[in-house]
Amino acid sequence: MRPRAVRYFTDFIDGGGLSRDDEGLDFADRQEACLSAAEALVEAAHDLIRIKPKQSGSAAAGALSLEAQVRDEAGRVVFRVRLALDVDWPPAGT
């Protein structure tokens, strides 16, 4: 008999605040849910790196800080992952 899938919710936190997951996804276990959250965080960072310089009108993207937290069905946070990236553009000609 296969174990029952458990619903987990992944919230994202960035400079704009908290984006709360109200739907969730079913996973076989907590480790699978946490791995999925970490992968989603990397994908979100990739998207922001590509978009942010275009929005600011400058090539200097600055700093990027993202966080994801995974909640179980009871609302308890079971996992957190943080990603920080600092972009430093030296002055031209150095």
Protein backbone atom coordinates (compact mmCIF):
# COMPACT_ATOMS: atom_id res chain seq x y z
CA MET A 1 0.00 0.00 0.00
CA ARG A 2 1.38 3.40 -1.03
CA PRO A 3 1.54 6.08 1.65
CA ARG A 4 -0.95 8.87 1.21
CA ALA A 5 0.32 12.05 -0.40
CA VAL A 6 0.47 15.06 1.86
CA ARG A 7 -0.37 18.59 0.78
CA TYR A 8 2.36 21.20 1.29
CA PHE A 9 2.23 24.93 0.68
CA THR A 10 5.20 27.00 -0.56
CA ASP A 11 5.25 30.70 0.27
CA PHE A 12 7.75 33.08 -1.36
CA ILE A 13 9.22 36.18 0.28
CA ASP A 14 11.11 38.94 -1.54
CA GLY A 15 11.51 42.71 -1.39
CA GLY A 16 7.86 43.06 -2.34
CA GLY A 17 6.65 41.04 0.65
CA LEU A 18 5.05 37.64 1.13
CA SER A 19 3.36 35.68 -1.65
CA ARG A 20 1.28 33.08 0.18
CA ASP A 21 0.41 29.74 -1.43
CA ASP A 22 -3.25 29.00 -0.72
CA GLU A 23 -3.56 25.98 -3.04
CA GLY A 24 -0.54 23.82 -2.29
CA LEU A 25 0.66 20.67 -4.00
CA ASP A 26 0.63 17.01 -3.00
CA PHE A 27 3.97 15.34 -2.31
CA ALA A 28 4.93 11.87 -1.14
CA ASP A 29 6.92 13.30 1.77
CA ARG A 30 8.37 16.45 3.28
CA GLN A 31 11.76 16.01 1.60
CA GLU A 32 10.14 15.98 -1.86
CA ALA A 33 8.19 19.16 -1.04
CA CYS A 34 11.33 20.92 0.21
CA LEU A 35 13.36 19.96 -2.85
CA SER A 36 10.59 21.32 -5.07
CA ALA A 37 10.59 24.62 -3.13
CA ALA A 38 14.37 24.98 -3.48
CA GLU A 39 14.16 24.34 -7.23
CA ALA A 40 11.33 26.87 -7.58
CA LEU A 41 13.38 29.46 -5.69
CA VAL A 42 16.31 29.06 -8.09
CA GLU A 43 13.93 29.40 -11.06
CA ALA A 44 12.39 32.55 -9.56
CA ALA A 45 15.85 34.05 -9.03
CA HIS A 46 16.76 33.27 -12.64
CA ASP A 47 13.63 35.02 -13.87
CA LEU A 48 14.28 38.07 -11.67
CA ILE A 49 17.90 38.37 -12.80
CA ARG A 50 16.76 38.45 -16.42
CA ILE A 51 13.93 40.93 -15.79
CA LYS A 52 15.28 43.28 -13.09
CA PRO A 53 17.96 45.09 -15.16
CA LYS A 54 15.40 45.76 -17.90
CA GLN A 55 12.94 47.22 -15.39
CA SER A 56 15.50 49.46 -13.72
CA GLY A 57 16.83 50.74 -17.03
CA SER A 58 20.36 49.92 -15.90
CA ALA A 59 22.68 46.96 -16.22
CA ALA A 60 23.44 47.12 -12.48
CA ALA A 61 20.93 44.73 -10.97
CA GLY A 62 22.16 45.33 -7.40
CA ALA A 63 21.17 42.79 -4.78
CA LEU A 64 18.66 40.00 -4.95
CA SER A 65 17.29 38.24 -1.89
CA LEU A 66 14.58 35.59 -2.00
CA GLU A 67 13.17 33.13 0.50
CA ALA A 68 10.76 30.22 0.30
CA GLN A 69 9.07 28.49 3.18
CA VAL A 70 7.15 25.23 3.07
CA ARG A 71 4.14 24.70 5.31
CA ASP A 72 2.41 21.42 6.05
CA GLU A 73 -1.36 20.90 6.15
CA ALA A 74 -1.45 22.07 9.78
CA GLY A 75 0.24 25.37 8.80
CA ARG A 76 3.57 24.56 10.48
CA VAL A 77 6.69 25.76 8.63
CA VAL A 78 8.75 22.61 7.98
CA PHE A 79 11.45 24.08 5.74
CA ARG A 80 13.01 27.40 4.77
CA VAL A 81 15.44 28.16 2.00
CA ARG A 82 17.09 31.52 1.36
CA LEU A 83 18.99 32.76 -1.66
CA ALA A 84 21.01 35.97 -1.75
CA LEU A 85 22.94 37.35 -4.70
CA ASP A 86 24.97 40.54 -4.69
CA VAL A 87 25.91 42.03 -8.04
CA ASP A 88 28.83 44.44 -8.04
CA TRP A 89 29.75 46.39 -11.18
CA PRO A 90 33.26 47.91 -10.87
CA PRO A 91 33.68 51.40 -12.28
CA ALA A 92 34.44 51.45 -16.00
CA GLY A 93 38.12 51.32 -16.90
CA THR A 94 39.30 49.42 -13.81
